């Protein structure tokens, strides 16, 4: 299972679900018309039990914070995947 904490309008989540058949928990800090609800990622204290991957395109100004929080939430062997600018 994949946790997408900054799902926006669902671009990543939809591809993961429709093309690759993955279960994705999709949230964002504001309602952008897609997802399982509104949630502040930094208030997340634990992931669903069946989740071992956080994959997102975070706000670039908060990229470091997203990575640090993700690594705190993930169990050993979990995946932290972030789409980030390289400049």
PDB file of N, CA and C in Angstrom:
ATOM      1  N   UNK A   1       0.819  -1.182   0.000  1.00  0.00           N
ATOM      2  CA  UNK A   1       0.000   0.000   0.000  1.00  0.00           C
ATOM      3  C   UNK A   1       0.871   1.256   0.000  1.00  0.00           C
ATOM      4  N   UNK A   2       0.363   2.288  -0.609  1.00  0.00           N
ATOM      5  CA  UNK A   2       1.105   3.537  -0.769  1.00  0.00           C
ATOM      6  C   UNK A   2       0.342   4.670  -0.091  1.00  0.00           C
ATOM      7  N   UNK A   3       1.065   5.531   0.579  1.00  0.00           N
ATOM      8  CA  UNK A   3       0.496   6.716   1.221  1.00  0.00           C
ATOM      9  C   UNK A   3       0.931   7.921   0.416  1.00  0.00           C
ATOM     10  N   UNK A   4      -0.029   8.698  -0.087  1.00  0.00           N
ATOM     11  CA  UNK A   4       0.244   9.888  -0.889  1.00  0.00           C
ATOM     12  C   UNK A   4      -0.276  11.095  -0.112  1.00  0.00           C
ATOM     13  N   UNK A   5       0.586  11.789   0.647  1.00  0.00           N
ATOM     14  CA  UNK A   5       0.125  12.837   1.549  1.00  0.00           C
ATOM     15  C   UNK A   5      -0.067  14.219   0.939  1.00  0.00           C
ATOM     16  N   UNK A   6       0.279  14.398  -0.323  1.00  0.00           N
ATOM     17  CA  UNK A   6       0.100  15.687  -1.000  1.00  0.00           C
ATOM     18  C   UNK A   6      -0.490  15.401  -2.382  1.00  0.00           C
ATOM     19  N   UNK A   7      -1.667  14.782  -2.392  1.00  0.00           N
ATOM     20  CA  UNK A   7      -2.211  14.222  -3.644  1.00  0.00           C
ATOM     21  C   UNK A   7      -2.716  15.254  -4.632  1.00  0.00           C
ATOM     22  N   UNK A   8      -2.963  16.480  -4.202  1.00  0.00           N
ATOM     23  CA  UNK A   8      -3.454  17.486  -5.150  1.00  0.00           C
ATOM     24  C   UNK A   8      -4.693  17.004  -5.877  1.00  0.00           C
ATOM     25  N   UNK A   9      -4.662  17.051  -7.205  1.00  0.00           N
ATOM     26  CA  UNK A   9      -5.826  16.602  -7.984  1.00  0.00           C
ATOM     27  C   UNK A   9      -5.742  15.120  -8.350  1.00  0.00           C
ATOM     28  N   UNK A  10      -4.784  14.398  -7.778  1.00  0.00           N
ATOM     29  CA  UNK A  10      -4.741  12.951  -7.923  1.00  0.00           C
ATOM     30  C   UNK A  10      -3.892  12.389  -9.042  1.00  0.00           C
ATOM     31  N   UNK A  11      -3.066  13.198  -9.681  1.00  0.00           N
ATOM     32  CA  UNK A  11      -2.275  12.715 -10.826  1.00  0.00           C
ATOM     33  C   UNK A  11      -1.485  11.448 -10.508  1.00  0.00           C
ATOM     34  N   UNK A  12      -0.694  11.468  -9.450  1.00  0.00           N
ATOM     35  CA  UNK A  12       0.109  10.290  -9.102  1.00  0.00           C
ATOM     36  C   UNK A  12      -0.763   9.134  -8.644  1.00  0.00           C
ATOM     37  N   UNK A  13      -1.703   9.429  -7.773  1.00  0.00           N
ATOM     38  CA  UNK A  13      -2.561   8.376  -7.213  1.00  0.00           C
ATOM     39  C   UNK A  13      -3.334   7.637  -8.294  1.00  0.00           C
ATOM     40  N   UNK A  14      -3.876   8.391  -9.241  1.00  0.00           N
ATOM     41  CA  UNK A  14      -4.661   7.769 -10.312  1.00  0.00           C
ATOM     42  C   UNK A  14      -3.808   6.817 -11.150  1.00  0.00           C
ATOM     43  N   UNK A  15      -2.609   7.219 -11.484  1.00  0.00           N
ATOM     44  CA  UNK A  15      -1.725   6.349 -12.270  1.00  0.00           C
ATOM     45  C   UNK A  15      -1.380   5.088 -11.491  1.00  0.00           C
ATOM     46  N   UNK A  16      -1.038   5.260 -10.215  1.00  0.00           N
ATOM     47  CA  UNK A  16      -0.686   4.103  -9.382  1.00  0.00           C
ATOM     48  C   UNK A  16      -1.843   3.123  -9.253  1.00  0.00           C
ATOM     49  N   UNK A  17      -3.060   3.652  -9.153  1.00  0.00           N
ATOM     50  CA  UNK A  17      -4.233   2.793  -9.008  1.00  0.00           C
ATOM     51  C   UNK A  17      -4.666   2.188 -10.334  1.00  0.00           C
ATOM     52  N   UNK A  18      -4.856   3.040 -11.333  1.00  0.00           N
ATOM     53  CA  UNK A  18      -5.435   2.589 -12.595  1.00  0.00           C
ATOM     54  C   UNK A  18      -4.454   1.804 -13.472  1.00  0.00           C
ATOM     55  N   UNK A  19      -3.228   2.269 -13.541  1.00  0.00           N
ATOM     56  CA  UNK A  19      -2.258   1.618 -14.422  1.00  0.00           C
ATOM     57  C   UNK A  19      -1.530   0.459 -13.738  1.00  0.00           C
ATOM     58  N   UNK A  20      -1.274   0.607 -12.433  1.00  0.00           N
ATOM     59  CA  UNK A  20      -0.465  -0.391 -11.736  1.00  0.00           C
ATOM     60  C   UNK A  20      -1.228  -1.195 -10.691  1.00  0.00           C
ATOM     61  N   UNK A  21      -2.509  -0.889 -10.497  1.00  0.00           N
ATOM     62  CA  UNK A  21      -3.340  -1.673  -9.594  1.00  0.00           C
ATOM     63  C   UNK A  21      -2.969  -1.581  -8.125  1.00  0.00           C
ATOM     64  N   UNK A  22      -2.352  -0.504  -7.711  1.00  0.00           N
ATOM     65  CA  UNK A  22      -1.939  -0.328  -6.315  1.00  0.00           C
ATOM     66  C   UNK A  22      -3.047   0.329  -5.498  1.00  0.00           C
ATOM     67  N   UNK A  23      -3.119  -0.016  -4.236  1.00  0.00           N
ATOM     68  CA  UNK A  23      -4.006   0.667  -3.296  1.00  0.00           C
ATOM     69  C   UNK A  23      -3.254   1.892  -2.798  1.00  0.00           C
ATOM     70  N   UNK A  24      -3.881   3.064  -2.898  1.00  0.00           N
ATOM     71  CA  UNK A  24      -3.236   4.309  -2.503  1.00  0.00           C
ATOM     72  C   UNK A  24      -4.138   5.056  -1.523  1.00  0.00           C
ATOM     73  N   UNK A  25      -3.579   5.429  -0.388  1.00  0.00           N
ATOM     74  CA  UNK A  25      -4.249   6.325   0.559  1.00  0.00           C
ATOM     75  C   UNK A  25      -3.851   7.734   0.154  1.00  0.00           C
ATOM     76  N   UNK A  26      -4.809   8.522  -0.326  1.00  0.00           N
ATOM     77  CA  UNK A  26      -4.521   9.847  -0.873  1.00  0.00           C
ATOM     78  C   UNK A  26      -5.137  10.940  -0.015  1.00  0.00           C
ATOM     79  N   UNK A  27      -4.286  11.882   0.409  1.00  0.00           N
ATOM     80  CA  UNK A  27      -4.739  12.997   1.223  1.00  0.00           C
ATOM     81  C   UNK A  27      -4.037  14.267   0.784  1.00  0.00           C
ATOM     82  N   UNK A  28      -4.591  15.403   1.184  1.00  0.00           N
ATOM     83  CA  UNK A  28      -3.935  16.685   0.971  1.00  0.00           C
ATOM     84  C   UNK A  28      -4.368  17.612   2.097  1.00  0.00           C
ATOM     85  N   UNK A  29      -3.634  18.677   2.271  1.00  0.00           N
ATOM     86  CA  UNK A  29      -3.930  19.607   3.359  1.00  0.00           C
ATOM     87  C   UNK A  29      -5.178  20.444   3.074  1.00  0.00           C
ATOM     88  N   UNK A  30      -5.551  20.550   1.803  1.00  0.00           N
ATOM     89  CA  UNK A  30      -6.792  21.223   1.403  1.00  0.00           C
ATOM     90  C   UNK A  30      -7.528  20.333   0.404  1.00  0.00           C
ATOM     91  N   UNK A  31      -8.816  20.530   0.302  1.00  0.00           N
ATOM     92  CA  UNK A  31      -9.623  19.746  -0.632  1.00  0.00           C
ATOM     93  C   UNK A  31      -9.407  20.271  -2.046  1.00  0.00           C
ATOM     94  N   UNK A  32      -8.772  19.466  -2.863  1.00  0.00           N
ATOM     95  CA  UNK A  32      -8.545  19.827  -4.266  1.00  0.00           C
ATOM     96  C   UNK A  32      -9.394  18.963  -5.196  1.00  0.00           C
ATOM     97  N   UNK A  33     -10.420  18.329  -4.613  1.00  0.00           N
ATOM     98  CA  UNK A  33     -11.356  17.556  -5.401  1.00  0.00           C
ATOM     99  C   UNK A  33     -10.980  16.102  -5.602  1.00  0.00           C
ATOM    100  N   UNK A  34      -9.960  15.639  -4.903  1.00  0.00           N
ATOM    101  CA  UNK A  34      -9.548  14.252  -5.041  1.00  0.00           C
ATOM    102  C   UNK A  34      -9.016  13.760  -3.697  1.00  0.00           C
ATOM    103  N   UNK A  35      -9.153  12.481  -3.461  1.00  0.00           N
ATOM    104  CA  UNK A  35      -8.524  11.884  -2.290  1.00  0.00           C
ATOM    105  C   UNK A  35      -9.495  11.321  -1.281  1.00  0.00           C
ATOM    106  N   UNK A  36      -8.884  10.809  -0.208  1.00  0.00           N
ATOM    107  CA  UNK A  36      -9.637  10.174   0.864  1.00  0.00           C
ATOM    108  C   UNK A  36      -9.979  11.144   1.977  1.00  0.00           C
ATOM    109  N   UNK A  37      -9.600  12.387   1.821  1.00  0.00           N
ATOM    110  CA  UNK A  37      -9.922  13.386   2.828  1.00  0.00           C
ATOM    111  C   UNK A  37      -8.861  14.454   2.926  1.00  0.00           C
ATOM    112  N   UNK A  38      -9.124  15.379   3.831  1.00  0.00           N
ATOM    113  CA  UNK A  38      -8.208  16.484   4.092  1.00  0.00           C
ATOM    114  C   UNK A  38      -7.412  16.137   5.345  1.00  0.00           C
ATOM    115  N   UNK A  39      -6.098  16.216   5.234  1.00  0.00           N
ATOM    116  CA  UNK A  39      -5.234  15.868   6.363  1.00  0.00           C
ATOM    117  C   UNK A  39      -3.912  16.603   6.227  1.00  0.00           C
ATOM    118  N   UNK A  40      -3.443  17.159   7.338  1.00  0.00           N
ATOM    119  CA  UNK A  40      -2.129  17.772   7.392  1.00  0.00           C
ATOM    120  C   UNK A  40      -1.110  16.658   7.620  1.00  0.00           C
ATOM    121  N   UNK A  41      -0.256  16.410   6.661  1.00  0.00           N
ATOM    122  CA  UNK A  41       0.708  15.319   6.746  1.00  0.00           C
ATOM    123  C   UNK A  41       1.543  15.395   8.019  1.00  0.00           C
ATOM    124  N   UNK A  42       1.886  16.589   8.449  1.00  0.00           N
ATOM    125  CA  UNK A  42       2.737  16.735   9.625  1.00  0.00           C
ATOM    126  C   UNK A  42       2.011  16.405  10.925  1.00  0.00           C
ATOM    127  N   UNK A  43       0.701  16.248  10.862  1.00  0.00           N
ATOM    128  CA  UNK A  43      -0.070  15.801  12.021  1.00  0.00           C
ATOM    129  C   UNK A  43      -0.256  14.284  12.029  1.00  0.00           C
ATOM    130  N   UNK A  44       0.173  13.626  10.966  1.00  0.00           N
ATOM    131  CA  UNK A  44       0.082  12.166  10.871  1.00  0.00           C
ATOM    132  C   UNK A  44       1.076  11.545  11.842  1.00  0.00           C
ATOM    133  N   UNK A  45       0.564  10.696  12.730  1.00  0.00           N
ATOM    134  CA  UNK A  45       1.411  10.067  13.749  1.00  0.00           C
ATOM    135  C   UNK A  45       1.809   8.640  13.384  1.00  0.00           C
ATOM    136  N   UNK A  46       0.995   7.983  12.545  1.00  0.00           N
ATOM    137  CA  UNK A  46       1.353   6.643  12.078  1.00  0.00           C
ATOM    138  C   UNK A  46       0.645   6.359  10.772  1.00  0.00           C
ATOM    139  N   UNK A  47       1.241   5.461  10.002  1.00  0.00           N
ATOM    140  CA  UNK A  47       0.667   5.049   8.726  1.00  0.00           C
ATOM    141  C   UNK A  47      -0.301   3.894   8.956  1.00  0.00           C
ATOM    142  N   UNK A  48      -1.221   3.674   8.016  1.00  0.00           N
ATOM    143  CA  UNK A  48      -2.051   2.472   8.111  1.00  0.00           C
ATOM    144  C   UNK A  48      -1.155   1.233   8.182  1.00  0.00           C
ATOM    145  N   UNK A  49      -1.602   0.203   8.873  1.00  0.00           N
ATOM    146  CA  UNK A  49      -0.776  -0.988   9.109  1.00  0.00           C
ATOM    147  C   UNK A  49      -0.284  -1.647   7.827  1.00  0.00           C
ATOM    148  N   UNK A  50      -1.063  -1.571   6.763  1.00  0.00           N
ATOM    149  CA  UNK A  50      -0.685  -2.237   5.521  1.00  0.00           C
ATOM    150  C   UNK A  50       0.133  -1.342   4.583  1.00  0.00           C
ATOM    151  N   UNK A  51       0.613  -0.220   5.087  1.00  0.00           N
ATOM    152  CA  UNK A  51       1.321   0.746   4.252  1.00  0.00           C
ATOM    153  C   UNK A  51       2.822   0.722   4.545  1.00  0.00           C
ATOM    154  N   UNK A  52       3.622   0.567   3.486  1.00  0.00           N
ATOM    155  CA  UNK A  52       5.073   0.548   3.653  1.00  0.00           C
ATOM    156  C   UNK A  52       5.784   1.474   2.668  1.00  0.00           C
ATOM    157  N   UNK A  53       5.027   2.426   2.102  1.00  0.00           N
ATOM    158  CA  UNK A  53       5.605   3.327   1.107  1.00  0.00           C
ATOM    159  C   UNK A  53       4.918   4.689   1.186  1.00  0.00           C
ATOM    160  N   UNK A  54       5.710   5.742   1.225  1.00  0.00           N
ATOM    161  CA  UNK A  54       5.195   7.106   1.090  1.00  0.00           C
ATOM    162  C   UNK A  54       5.749   7.632  -0.218  1.00  0.00           C
ATOM    163  N   UNK A  55       4.859   8.006  -1.116  1.00  0.00           N
ATOM    164  CA  UNK A  55       5.242   8.497  -2.435  1.00  0.00           C
ATOM    165  C   UNK A  55       4.471   9.779  -2.683  1.00  0.00           C
ATOM    166  N   UNK A  56       5.190  10.867  -2.985  1.00  0.00           N
ATOM    167  CA  UNK A  56       4.500  12.129  -3.210  1.00  0.00           C
ATOM    168  C   UNK A  56       5.367  13.112  -3.978  1.00  0.00           C
ATOM    169  N   UNK A  57       4.731  14.150  -4.447  1.00  0.00           N
ATOM    170  CA  UNK A  57       5.379  15.311  -5.044  1.00  0.00           C
ATOM    171  C   UNK A  57       5.090  16.452  -4.067  1.00  0.00           C
ATOM    172  N   UNK A  58       5.941  16.615  -3.051  1.00  0.00           N
ATOM    173  CA  UNK A  58       5.637  17.575  -1.994  1.00  0.00           C
ATOM    174  C   UNK A  58       5.813  19.015  -2.449  1.00  0.00           C
ATOM    175  N   UNK A  59       5.243  19.956  -1.698  1.00  0.00           N
ATOM    176  CA  UNK A  59       5.556  21.363  -1.979  1.00  0.00           C
ATOM    177  C   UNK A  59       7.075  21.530  -1.844  1.00  0.00           C
ATOM    178  N   UNK A  60       7.702  22.112  -2.837  1.00  0.00           N
ATOM    179  CA  UNK A  60       9.163  22.171  -2.840  1.00  0.00           C
ATOM    180  C   UNK A  60       9.721  22.919  -1.638  1.00  0.00           C
ATOM    181  N   UNK A  61       8.979  23.903  -1.143  1.00  0.00           N
ATOM    182  CA  UNK A  61       9.461  24.664   0.016  1.00  0.00           C
ATOM    183  C   UNK A  61       9.471  23.818   1.291  1.00  0.00           C
ATOM    184  N   UNK A  62       8.776  22.687   1.274  1.00  0.00           N
ATOM    185  CA  UNK A  62       8.705  21.806   2.449  1.00  0.00           C
ATOM    186  C   UNK A  62       9.316  20.426   2.179  1.00  0.00           C
ATOM    187  N   UNK A  63      10.087  20.318   1.128  1.00  0.00           N
ATOM    188  CA  UNK A  63      10.615  19.008   0.719  1.00  0.00           C
ATOM    189  C   UNK A  63      11.416  18.334   1.828  1.00  0.00           C
ATOM    190  N   UNK A  64      12.322  19.051   2.451  1.00  0.00           N
ATOM    191  CA  UNK A  64      13.142  18.456   3.508  1.00  0.00           C
ATOM    192  C   UNK A  64      12.275  17.979   4.658  1.00  0.00           C
ATOM    193  N   UNK A  65      11.309  18.783   5.055  1.00  0.00           N
ATOM    194  CA  UNK A  65      10.418  18.421   6.148  1.00  0.00           C
ATOM    195  C   UNK A  65       9.582  17.187   5.802  1.00  0.00           C
ATOM    196  N   UNK A  66       9.129  17.095   4.553  1.00  0.00           N
ATOM    197  CA  UNK A  66       8.369  15.920   4.116  1.00  0.00           C
ATOM    198  C   UNK A  66       9.229  14.661   4.201  1.00  0.00           C
ATOM    199  N   UNK A  67      10.471  14.761   3.778  1.00  0.00           N
ATOM    200  CA  UNK A  67      11.371  13.599   3.817  1.00  0.00           C
ATOM    201  C   UNK A  67      11.623  13.164   5.259  1.00  0.00           C
ATOM    202  N   UNK A  68      11.950  14.108   6.108  1.00  0.00           N
ATOM    203  CA  UNK A  68      12.230  13.782   7.514  1.00  0.00           C
ATOM    204  C   UNK A  68      11.017  13.154   8.188  1.00  0.00           C
ATOM    205  N   UNK A  69       9.835  13.732   7.970  1.00  0.00           N
ATOM    206  CA  UNK A  69       8.624  13.185   8.594  1.00  0.00           C
ATOM    207  C   UNK A  69       8.305  11.795   8.030  1.00  0.00           C
ATOM    208  N   UNK A  70       8.490  11.620   6.742  1.00  0.00           N
ATOM    209  CA  UNK A  70       8.246  10.317   6.120  1.00  0.00           C
ATOM    210  C   UNK A  70       9.139   9.248   6.730  1.00  0.00           C
ATOM    211  N   UNK A  71      10.405   9.561   6.883  1.00  0.00           N
ATOM    212  CA  UNK A  71      11.349   8.580   7.434  1.00  0.00           C
ATOM    213  C   UNK A  71      11.018   8.234   8.883  1.00  0.00           C
ATOM    214  N   UNK A  72      10.453   9.183   9.621  1.00  0.00           N
ATOM    215  CA  UNK A  72      10.030   8.900  10.994  1.00  0.00           C
ATOM    216  C   UNK A  72       8.828   7.962  11.028  1.00  0.00           C
ATOM    217  N   UNK A  73       7.946   8.086  10.036  1.00  0.00           N
ATOM    218  CA  UNK A  73       6.717   7.282  10.003  1.00  0.00           C
ATOM    219  C   UNK A  73       6.942   5.864   9.486  1.00  0.00           C
ATOM    220  N   UNK A  74       7.874   5.697   8.577  1.00  0.00           N
ATOM    221  CA  UNK A  74       8.072   4.408   7.915  1.00  0.00           C
ATOM    222  C   UNK A  74       8.780   3.401   8.814  1.00  0.00           C
ATOM    223  N   UNK A  75       8.362   2.157   8.703  1.00  0.00           N
ATOM    224  CA  UNK A  75       9.043   1.065   9.382  1.00  0.00           C
ATOM    225  C   UNK A  75      10.347   0.760   8.634  1.00  0.00           C
ATOM    226  N   UNK A  76      11.227   0.033   9.259  1.00  0.00           N
ATOM    227  CA  UNK A  76      12.470  -0.366   8.614  1.00  0.00           C
ATOM    228  C   UNK A  76      12.146  -1.108   7.312  1.00  0.00           C
ATOM    229  N   UNK A  77      12.821  -0.740   6.253  1.00  0.00           N
ATOM    230  CA  UNK A  77      12.583  -1.360   4.953  1.00  0.00           C
ATOM    231  C   UNK A  77      11.518  -0.669   4.133  1.00  0.00           C
ATOM    232  N   UNK A  78      10.837   0.335   4.718  1.00  0.00           N
ATOM    233  CA  UNK A  78       9.808   1.078   3.978  1.00  0.00           C
ATOM    234  C   UNK A  78      10.437   1.979   2.930  1.00  0.00           C
ATOM    235  N   UNK A  79       9.628   2.413   1.992  1.00  0.00           N
ATOM    236  CA  UNK A  79      10.107   3.248   0.891  1.00  0.00           C
ATOM    237  C   UNK A  79       9.634   4.684   1.035  1.00  0.00           C
ATOM    238  N   UNK A  80      10.545   5.627   0.883  1.00  0.00           N
ATOM    239  CA  UNK A  80      10.248   7.053   0.856  1.00  0.00           C
ATOM    240  C   UNK A  80      10.613   7.528  -0.543  1.00  0.00           C
ATOM    241  N   UNK A  81       9.594   7.881  -1.327  1.00  0.00           N
ATOM    242  CA  UNK A  81       9.821   8.283  -2.711  1.00  0.00           C
ATOM    243  C   UNK A  81       9.253   9.686  -2.894  1.00  0.00           C
ATOM    244  N   UNK A  82      10.119  10.627  -3.273  1.00  0.00           N
ATOM    245  CA  UNK A  82       9.717  12.019  -3.444  1.00  0.00           C
ATOM    246  C   UNK A  82      10.113  12.512  -4.831  1.00  0.00           C
ATOM    247  N   UNK A  83       9.192  13.195  -5.481  1.00  0.00           N
ATOM    248  CA  UNK A  83       9.483  13.852  -6.745  1.00  0.00           C
ATOM    249  C   UNK A  83       9.904  15.274  -6.404  1.00  0.00           C
ATOM    250  N   UNK A  84      11.174  15.607  -6.668  1.00  0.00           N
ATOM    251  CA  UNK A  84      11.723  16.893  -6.256  1.00  0.00           C
ATOM    252  C   UNK A  84      12.462  17.580  -7.401  1.00  0.00           C
ATOM    253  N   UNK A  85      12.575  18.897  -7.274  1.00  0.00           N
ATOM    254  CA  UNK A  85      13.383  19.657  -8.220  1.00  0.00           C
ATOM    255  C   UNK A  85      14.847  19.348  -7.955  1.00  0.00           C
ATOM    256  N   UNK A  86      15.644  19.351  -8.992  1.00  0.00           N
ATOM    257  CA  UNK A  86      17.080  19.090  -8.823  1.00  0.00           C
ATOM    258  C   UNK A  86      17.902  20.357  -8.935  1.00  0.00           C
ATOM    259  N   UNK A  87      17.246  21.492  -9.090  1.00  0.00           N
ATOM    260  CA  UNK A  87      17.996  22.755  -9.187  1.00  0.00           C
ATOM    261  C   UNK A  87      18.182  23.396  -7.842  1.00  0.00           C
TER     262      UNK A  87
END
